[in-house]
Amino acid sequence: MPVSDDEHIGHRIATLRKRAGLTQRGLAQRIPYSYSLLRHVESGHKKASPQFVAAVARALCVDAATLAGHAEHPLRPDRVAALVRPIREALDLYDLPTDPREAGASPSDLIAAADALCRDVREARLYQAAASLPGLLTDLTASCHERPSTELWRAMASACRSAHDVTTKFGRYDLAVIALDRMGWAAEHAGDPLLSAIRQYKRALSYRGRDAEHRIGLRMVAFGHNLLEQADRGTEALAVAGQLHLGAAVIAARAGDRSAVEEHLTQAAETAARTGEVGAVHWLSFGPANVGAHEVFARLELREFDDALAAARAIRPPCDWAASRRAALLVDVARAELETGRAEASLASLLKARRLAPQQTRFHPRVRETVRGLLHLRRRSPDTLTRLASWVGM
């Protein structure tokens, strides 16, 4: 029986071989082992001996640890660790007395900085956002304790939300949970039900599994709708309600619940028809285009790949649509194109996503999945795909 793990050593050998532009026979000619053995190792039908692994590693000019799966994940460089650690420390200051040595910026400057931070996140300038987060969080914490106001607490909640978004994109999910807790703390002090409901949307998306856990996420979405009953009726509350429906559609799609997906997408689309494109509600991107982007994602999860592409073609992005949103859609489109046999188009979509939002695209897990799929479609990989695979750490 073949090995079932998609990340078995043969799988890694095939990926690196194709990245090097070699066929199986071409690699076999460079190692003292037969083509037949290499073919069976790559397919998972035979185990690779340490001597075989060492020979392949020498031929491909990689470390044996990389082939064995023991190397450090390439998307966890020291630079990210150095950026994330101060964010964790700043988030941990929330209930401590103010340090008298901390400089006090004006409330208006802090509020403007929180908005600028959201703009950086939306434009996928992740390293820049991560670098500015610790100082802003520290200053906002001190100001909220010393001279609290609704506007400062809202800025604090916004900064914590940005901390969640940045750490999620870097794959630091434990820290993202802490950031959402702090967002809830600040939103409560601000007395802003819209922020509290947005937090429930973000919180719910962490429960996107295919088991019973997805019901927890749906309960969080429902609680978000309850919180909106405390808000003034109008476009802002409608936009947040629509975003909650999109979150529920994503959660239901991950659970394979087609009827729930259709229900929530329909409700979100009806809401978007009333609001139009909304970009000024706590930096949400709600509107018809975002409904379409979430439908693409949901169709992918349901393995309705042709429908995902049809939904993508129907999207008319607003001219001010965030680069992060455009790039994320392109990554989803690339996956749908791969699954429908459009390999060249899939690679082109990934390259567009890279140009739009390089930092976000490099860390996106679906990019790696799609690149891996493209590599395994070909006996030899074009230079553009080889370079892309190397860039994302494969």
Protein backbone atom coordinates (compact mmCIF):
# COMPACT_ATOMS: atom_id res chain seq x y z
CA MET A 1 0.00 0.00 0.00
CA PRO A 2 1.24 3.50 -0.71
CA VAL A 3 1.91 5.87 2.14
CA SER A 4 -1.19 8.04 2.69
CA ASP A 5 0.55 11.09 4.13
CA ASP A 6 0.70 13.78 1.46
CA GLU A 7 3.96 14.98 3.03
CA HIS A 8 5.83 11.65 2.93
CA ILE A 9 9.46 11.76 1.91
CA GLY A 10 8.76 10.64 -1.65
CA HIS A 11 6.41 13.57 -2.05
CA ARG A 12 9.15 15.97 -0.95
CA ILE A 13 11.66 14.33 -3.31
CA ALA A 14 9.26 14.76 -6.23
CA THR A 15 8.64 18.41 -5.36
CA LEU A 16 12.33 19.27 -5.12
CA ARG A 17 13.17 17.21 -8.21
CA LYS A 18 10.65 19.12 -10.31
CA ARG A 19 11.84 22.41 -8.83
CA ALA A 20 15.30 21.43 -10.10
CA GLY A 21 13.85 20.78 -13.57
CA LEU A 22 14.61 17.04 -13.53
CA THR A 23 12.52 14.09 -14.67
CA GLN A 24 12.54 10.89 -12.63
CA ARG A 25 14.94 9.31 -15.12
CA GLY A 26 17.13 12.41 -15.03
CA LEU A 27 17.44 12.22 -11.25
CA ALA A 28 17.96 8.45 -11.32
CA GLN A 29 20.97 8.97 -13.58
CA ARG A 30 22.57 11.15 -10.86
CA ILE A 31 22.21 8.68 -7.99
CA PRO A 32 23.46 5.11 -7.57
CA TYR A 33 19.89 3.76 -7.43
CA SER A 34 17.47 2.56 -10.09
CA TYR A 35 14.74 4.55 -11.80
CA SER A 36 12.27 1.92 -10.60
CA LEU A 37 13.20 2.44 -6.93
CA LEU A 38 12.99 6.21 -7.27
CA ARG A 39 9.56 5.95 -8.88
CA HIS A 40 8.26 3.70 -6.09
CA VAL A 41 9.70 5.93 -3.34
CA GLU A 42 8.11 9.01 -4.85
CA SER A 43 4.73 7.31 -5.08
CA GLY A 44 5.01 6.13 -1.47
CA HIS A 45 5.04 2.41 -2.34
CA LYS A 46 8.55 1.89 -0.93
CA LYS A 47 10.41 3.39 1.98
CA ALA A 48 13.57 5.39 1.45
CA SER A 49 16.70 4.22 3.23
CA PRO A 50 18.97 6.82 4.86
CA GLN A 51 21.58 6.09 2.19
CA PHE A 52 19.02 6.70 -0.58
CA VAL A 53 17.95 9.98 1.04
CA ALA A 54 21.56 11.13 1.33
CA ALA A 55 22.24 10.33 -2.34
CA VAL A 56 19.14 12.19 -3.53
CA ALA A 57 19.98 15.17 -1.30
CA ARG A 58 23.47 15.40 -2.84
CA ALA A 59 22.02 15.20 -6.35
CA LEU A 60 19.46 17.92 -5.67
CA CYS A 61 21.90 20.10 -3.67
CA VAL A 62 19.70 20.20 -0.57
CA ASP A 63 20.15 19.10 3.03
CA ALA A 64 19.11 15.56 3.85
CA ALA A 65 17.10 17.03 6.74
CA THR A 66 14.98 18.92 4.23
CA LEU A 67 14.05 15.71 2.45
CA ALA A 68 13.41 13.92 5.73
CA GLY A 69 11.05 16.66 6.85
CA HIS A 70 13.15 17.72 9.83
CA ALA A 71 14.22 21.13 8.58
CA GLU A 72 12.82 24.29 10.09
CA HIS A 73 9.75 25.54 8.25
CA PRO A 74 10.99 28.07 5.67
CA LEU A 75 8.16 30.50 6.38
CA ARG A 76 9.25 31.06 9.97
CA PRO A 77 12.35 33.23 9.49
CA ASP A 78 14.06 35.04 12.31
CA ARG A 79 12.68 38.29 10.98
CA VAL A 80 9.10 37.23 11.69
CA ALA A 81 9.98 35.98 15.18
CA ALA A 82 11.69 39.29 15.94
CA LEU A 83 8.60 41.20 14.80
CA VAL A 84 6.07 39.05 16.62
CA ARG A 85 7.74 38.93 20.05
CA PRO A 86 7.28 42.68 20.81
CA ILE A 87 3.63 42.45 19.73
CA ARG A 88 3.06 39.72 22.31
CA GLU A 89 4.75 41.82 24.99
CA ALA A 90 2.71 44.92 24.12
CA LEU A 91 -0.56 42.97 24.25
CA ASP A 92 0.41 41.70 27.69
CA LEU A 93 0.51 45.24 29.15
CA TYR A 94 -3.25 45.74 29.07
CA ASP A 95 -3.91 45.44 32.83
CA LEU A 96 -0.62 46.83 34.18
CA PRO A 97 -0.14 50.31 35.68
CA THR A 98 1.20 52.88 33.27
CA ASP A 99 4.97 53.14 33.11
CA PRO A 100 5.79 56.82 33.83
CA ARG A 101 8.69 56.61 31.39
CA GLU A 102 6.33 56.02 28.46
CA ALA A 103 5.97 59.06 26.21
CA GLY A 104 2.41 60.23 25.74
CA ALA A 105 1.29 60.97 22.19
CA SER A 106 -1.84 63.04 21.70
CA PRO A 107 -5.17 61.20 21.38
CA SER A 108 -5.66 62.53 17.86
CA ASP A 109 -2.24 61.24 16.80
CA LEU A 110 -2.94 57.81 18.28
CA ILE A 111 -6.31 57.56 16.56
CA ALA A 112 -4.72 58.54 13.24
CA ALA A 113 -1.96 55.97 13.80
CA ALA A 114 -4.52 53.22 14.41
CA ASP A 115 -6.19 54.11 11.11
CA ALA A 116 -2.85 54.13 9.31
CA LEU A 117 -2.11 50.70 10.77
CA CYS A 118 -5.40 49.33 9.39
CA ARG A 119 -4.48 50.77 6.02
CA ASP A 120 -1.14 48.97 6.08
CA VAL A 121 -2.85 45.67 6.88
CA ARG A 122 -5.41 46.13 4.10
CA GLU A 123 -2.61 46.85 1.65
CA ALA A 124 -0.76 43.74 2.91
CA ARG A 125 2.26 45.67 4.20
CA LEU A 126 2.66 43.08 6.93
CA TYR A 127 6.23 43.75 8.02
CA GLN A 128 5.56 47.48 8.24
CA ALA A 129 2.37 46.90 10.25
CA ALA A 130 4.08 44.44 12.56
CA ALA A 131 6.92 46.85 13.23
CA SER A 132 4.58 49.70 14.21
CA LEU A 133 2.20 47.61 16.33
CA PRO A 134 4.16 47.32 19.61
CA GLY A 135 4.73 51.04 20.07
CA LEU A 136 1.16 51.93 19.12
CA LEU A 137 -0.34 49.27 21.41
CA THR A 138 1.83 50.46 24.30
CA ASP A 139 0.92 54.13 23.79
CA LEU A 140 -2.77 53.36 23.37
CA THR A 141 -2.82 51.22 26.50
CA ALA A 142 -1.26 54.03 28.53
CA SER A 143 -3.60 56.67 27.09
CA CYS A 144 -6.72 54.57 27.58
CA HIS A 145 -5.84 54.16 31.27
CA GLU A 146 -4.76 57.78 31.85
CA ARG A 147 -7.31 59.73 29.79
CA PRO A 148 -9.97 57.27 28.58
CA SER A 149 -12.45 58.24 25.88
CA THR A 150 -14.71 56.35 23.51
CA GLU A 151 -12.53 57.33 20.56
CA LEU A 152 -9.32 56.09 22.22
CA TRP A 153 -10.90 52.79 23.22
CA ARG A 154 -12.13 52.35 19.64
CA ALA A 155 -8.60 52.99 18.41
CA MET A 156 -7.33 50.43 20.91
CA ALA A 157 -9.83 47.85 19.64
CA SER A 158 -8.81 48.66 16.07
CA ALA A 159 -5.11 48.18 16.86
CA CYS A 160 -5.83 44.84 18.53
CA ARG A 161 -7.82 43.77 15.50
CA SER A 162 -4.83 44.68 13.32
CA ALA A 163 -2.61 42.64 15.64
CA HIS A 164 -4.95 39.69 15.11
CA ASP A 165 -4.86 40.08 11.33
CA VAL A 166 -1.06 40.37 11.14
CA THR A 167 -0.35 37.45 13.46
CA THR A 168 -2.92 35.29 11.66
CA LYS A 169 -1.27 35.97 8.29
CA PHE A 170 2.09 35.05 9.85
CA GLY A 171 0.59 31.79 11.14
CA ARG A 172 0.92 32.74 14.83
CA TYR A 173 -2.58 31.63 15.76
CA ASP A 174 -1.97 31.48 19.51
CA LEU A 175 -1.08 35.16 19.54
CA ALA A 176 -4.00 35.97 17.25
CA VAL A 177 -6.37 34.57 19.90
CA ILE A 178 -4.81 36.83 22.54
CA ALA A 179 -5.19 39.84 20.24
CA LEU A 180 -8.90 39.10 19.81
CA ASP A 181 -9.33 38.86 23.58
CA ARG A 182 -7.78 42.31 23.90
CA MET A 183 -10.04 43.58 21.12
CA GLY A 184 -13.05 42.41 23.10
CA TRP A 185 -11.72 44.14 26.21
CA ALA A 186 -11.29 47.43 24.35
CA ALA A 187 -14.63 47.19 22.49
CA GLU A 188 -16.42 46.69 25.80
CA HIS A 189 -14.80 49.83 27.23
CA ALA A 190 -15.72 51.72 24.06
CA GLY A 191 -19.32 50.60 24.39
CA ASP A 192 -19.34 49.93 20.64
CA PRO A 193 -21.55 46.97 19.61
CA LEU A 194 -20.27 47.14 16.03
CA LEU A 195 -16.70 46.48 17.15
CA SER A 196 -17.89 43.72 19.47
CA ALA A 197 -19.79 42.08 16.60
CA ILE A 198 -16.78 42.35 14.27
CA ARG A 199 -14.75 40.62 16.95
CA GLN A 200 -17.27 37.77 16.97
CA TYR A 201 -16.86 37.45 13.19
CA LYS A 202 -13.08 37.23 13.52
CA ARG A 203 -13.37 34.87 16.47
CA ALA A 204 -15.78 32.57 14.66
CA LEU A 205 -13.46 32.08 11.70
CA SER A 206 -11.02 30.17 13.88
CA TYR A 207 -13.66 27.39 14.04
CA ARG A 208 -13.59 26.32 10.42
CA GLY A 209 -13.09 22.60 10.86
CA ARG A 210 -15.15 19.80 9.42
CA ASP A 211 -16.19 18.33 12.76
CA ALA A 212 -18.57 19.51 15.47
CA GLU A 213 -16.32 22.48 16.27
CA HIS A 214 -17.82 24.46 13.40
CA ARG A 215 -21.02 24.75 15.44
CA ILE A 216 -19.10 26.81 17.99
CA GLY A 217 -18.18 29.24 15.23
CA LEU A 218 -21.81 29.48 14.12
CA ARG A 219 -22.84 30.22 17.71
CA MET A 220 -20.31 33.06 17.78
CA VAL A 221 -21.79 34.45 14.57
CA ALA A 222 -25.27 34.26 16.08
CA PHE A 223 -24.02 36.11 19.16
CA GLY A 224 -22.56 38.76 16.87
CA HIS A 225 -26.02 39.30 15.37
CA ASN A 226 -27.44 39.63 18.89
CA LEU A 227 -24.87 42.31 19.71
CA LEU A 228 -25.98 44.31 16.67
CA GLU A 229 -29.42 44.71 18.22
CA GLN A 230 -27.77 47.24 20.55
CA ALA A 231 -26.45 49.32 17.63
CA ASP A 232 -28.19 52.11 15.77
CA ARG A 233 -29.95 50.90 12.65
CA GLY A 234 -28.31 51.99 9.45
CA THR A 235 -25.71 51.14 6.83
CA GLU A 236 -22.96 50.44 9.36
CA ALA A 237 -24.97 47.84 11.27
CA LEU A 238 -26.15 46.29 8.00
CA ALA A 239 -22.58 45.98 6.75
CA VAL A 240 -21.46 44.20 9.92
CA ALA A 241 -24.51 41.91 9.77
CA GLY A 242 -23.66 41.05 6.17
CA GLN A 243 -20.06 40.29 7.14
CA LEU A 244 -21.31 37.95 9.86
CA HIS A 245 -23.33 36.06 7.24
CA LEU A 246 -20.19 35.74 5.11
CA GLY A 247 -18.33 34.32 8.10
CA ALA A 248 -21.10 31.79 8.63
CA ALA A 249 -20.94 30.81 4.95
CA VAL A 250 -17.19 30.13 5.23
CA ILE A 251 -17.67 28.06 8.38
CA ALA A 252 -20.53 26.07 6.83
CA ALA A 253 -18.50 25.45 3.67
CA ARG A 254 -15.63 24.01 5.68
CA ALA A 255 -18.17 21.69 7.35
CA GLY A 256 -19.61 20.66 3.96
CA ASP A 257 -23.06 22.08 4.76
CA ARG A 258 -24.25 23.25 1.32
CA SER A 259 -27.71 24.37 2.40
CA ALA A 260 -26.27 26.61 5.14
CA VAL A 261 -23.75 28.04 2.67
CA GLU A 262 -26.51 28.96 0.23
CA GLU A 263 -28.65 30.46 2.99
CA HIS A 264 -25.91 32.71 4.37
CA LEU A 265 -24.60 33.76 0.95
CA THR A 266 -28.13 34.70 -0.08
CA GLN A 267 -28.66 36.79 3.04
CA ALA A 268 -25.27 38.46 2.60
CA ALA A 269 -26.05 39.25 -1.06
CA GLU A 270 -29.42 40.75 -0.13
CA THR A 271 -27.73 42.90 2.51
CA ALA A 272 -25.01 44.00 0.07
CA ALA A 273 -27.67 45.05 -2.41
CA ARG A 274 -28.94 47.47 0.25
CA THR A 275 -25.56 48.80 1.40
CA GLY A 276 -23.56 48.86 -1.82
CA GLU A 277 -19.78 48.84 -1.43
CA VAL A 278 -18.91 49.89 2.14
CA GLY A 279 -15.34 50.60 3.17
CA ALA A 280 -15.68 53.06 6.01
CA VAL A 281 -17.15 50.83 8.74
CA HIS A 282 -14.17 49.99 10.93
CA TRP A 283 -12.20 49.16 7.78
CA LEU A 284 -14.59 46.45 6.57
CA SER A 285 -14.69 45.71 2.84
CA PHE A 286 -18.30 44.62 2.78
CA GLY A 287 -20.33 44.85 -0.40
CA PRO A 288 -21.25 42.86 -3.52
CA ALA A 289 -17.57 42.27 -4.42
CA ASN A 290 -16.73 40.82 -1.02
CA VAL A 291 -19.83 38.62 -1.14
CA GLY A 292 -18.53 37.30 -4.47
CA ALA A 293 -15.05 36.69 -3.02
CA HIS A 294 -16.51 34.71 -0.13
CA GLU A 295 -18.63 32.71 -2.55
CA VAL A 296 -15.49 31.76 -4.48
CA PHE A 297 -13.90 30.55 -1.24
CA ALA A 298 -17.03 28.62 -0.22
CA ARG A 299 -17.32 26.92 -3.65
CA LEU A 300 -13.69 25.84 -3.38
CA GLU A 301 -14.32 24.29 0.02
CA LEU A 302 -17.33 22.46 -1.40
CA ARG A 303 -15.15 21.32 -4.36
CA GLU A 304 -17.46 23.11 -6.81
CA PHE A 305 -14.54 24.38 -8.86
CA ASP A 306 -16.37 25.45 -12.03
CA ASP A 307 -18.88 27.36 -9.91
CA ALA A 308 -15.99 29.01 -8.04
CA LEU A 309 -14.55 30.29 -11.33
CA ALA A 310 -17.98 31.48 -12.49
CA ALA A 311 -18.42 33.39 -9.23
CA ALA A 312 -14.96 34.96 -9.63
CA ARG A 313 -15.73 36.14 -13.17
CA ALA A 314 -18.89 37.86 -11.93
CA ILE A 315 -17.04 40.00 -9.35
CA ARG A 316 -16.69 43.70 -10.12
CA PRO A 317 -14.14 44.97 -7.57
CA PRO A 318 -14.44 48.61 -6.53
CA CYS A 319 -11.49 50.77 -7.55
CA ASP A 320 -10.43 51.16 -3.91
CA TRP A 321 -10.62 47.47 -3.06
CA ALA A 322 -7.74 46.58 -0.74
CA ALA A 323 -4.69 44.84 -2.20
CA SER A 324 -4.99 42.15 0.49
CA ARG A 325 -8.53 41.33 -0.67
CA ARG A 326 -7.60 41.32 -4.38
CA ALA A 327 -4.60 39.08 -3.78
CA ALA A 328 -6.55 36.64 -1.60
CA LEU A 329 -9.16 36.31 -4.36
CA LEU A 330 -6.44 35.63 -6.94
CA VAL A 331 -5.03 32.87 -4.74
CA ASP A 332 -8.47 31.24 -4.55
CA VAL A 333 -8.94 31.63 -8.30
CA ALA A 334 -5.56 29.98 -8.89
CA ARG A 335 -6.69 26.96 -6.88
CA ALA A 336 -9.92 26.69 -8.88
CA GLU A 337 -7.98 27.00 -12.13
CA LEU A 338 -5.61 24.23 -11.05
CA GLU A 339 -8.51 21.93 -10.18
CA THR A 340 -10.16 22.54 -13.56
CA GLY A 341 -7.04 21.81 -15.60
CA ARG A 342 -5.99 25.41 -16.28
CA ALA A 343 -2.40 25.14 -15.08
CA GLU A 344 -1.02 28.12 -17.02
CA ALA A 345 -3.83 30.37 -15.84
CA SER A 346 -3.33 29.14 -12.27
CA LEU A 347 0.35 30.08 -12.32
CA ALA A 348 -0.49 33.47 -13.84
CA SER A 349 -3.00 34.17 -11.04
CA LEU A 350 -0.43 33.31 -8.37
CA LEU A 351 2.12 35.62 -9.98
CA LYS A 352 -0.46 38.44 -10.02
CA ALA A 353 -1.18 37.84 -6.34
CA ARG A 354 2.55 38.01 -5.64
CA ARG A 355 2.87 41.34 -7.43
CA LEU A 356 -0.12 42.80 -5.58
CA ALA A 357 0.67 41.59 -2.06
CA PRO A 358 4.03 39.80 -1.90
CA GLN A 359 4.26 39.49 1.89
CA GLN A 360 0.74 38.10 2.27
CA THR A 361 1.06 35.77 -0.72
CA ARG A 362 4.32 34.28 0.51
CA PHE A 363 2.74 33.27 3.82
CA HIS A 364 -0.61 32.10 2.42
CA PRO A 365 -1.04 28.34 3.00
CA ARG A 366 -3.19 27.89 -0.11
CA VAL A 367 -0.36 29.26 -2.27
CA ARG A 368 1.85 26.42 -1.14
CA GLU A 369 -0.91 23.88 -1.81
CA THR A 370 -1.45 25.22 -5.32
CA VAL A 371 2.25 25.44 -6.16
CA ARG A 372 2.65 21.86 -4.98
CA GLY A 373 -0.20 20.82 -7.25
CA LEU A 374 1.31 22.64 -10.22
CA LEU A 375 4.67 21.00 -9.64
CA HIS A 376 3.14 17.55 -9.66
CA LEU A 377 1.28 18.15 -12.89
CA ARG A 378 4.55 18.43 -14.79
CA ARG A 379 7.55 16.25 -15.40
CA ARG A 380 9.56 19.45 -15.79
CA SER A 381 8.66 22.81 -14.29
CA PRO A 382 9.01 26.15 -16.10
CA ASP A 383 11.47 28.59 -14.60
CA THR A 384 8.69 30.88 -13.35
CA LEU A 385 7.10 28.05 -11.36
CA THR A 386 10.48 26.89 -10.06
CA ARG A 387 11.29 30.39 -8.85
CA LEU A 388 7.85 30.74 -7.25
CA ALA A 389 8.24 27.42 -5.44
CA SER A 390 11.61 28.50 -4.10
CA TRP A 391 10.21 31.88 -3.05
CA VAL A 392 7.43 30.32 -0.94
CA GLY A 393 9.92 27.96 0.67
CA MET A 394 9.35 24.68 -1.18
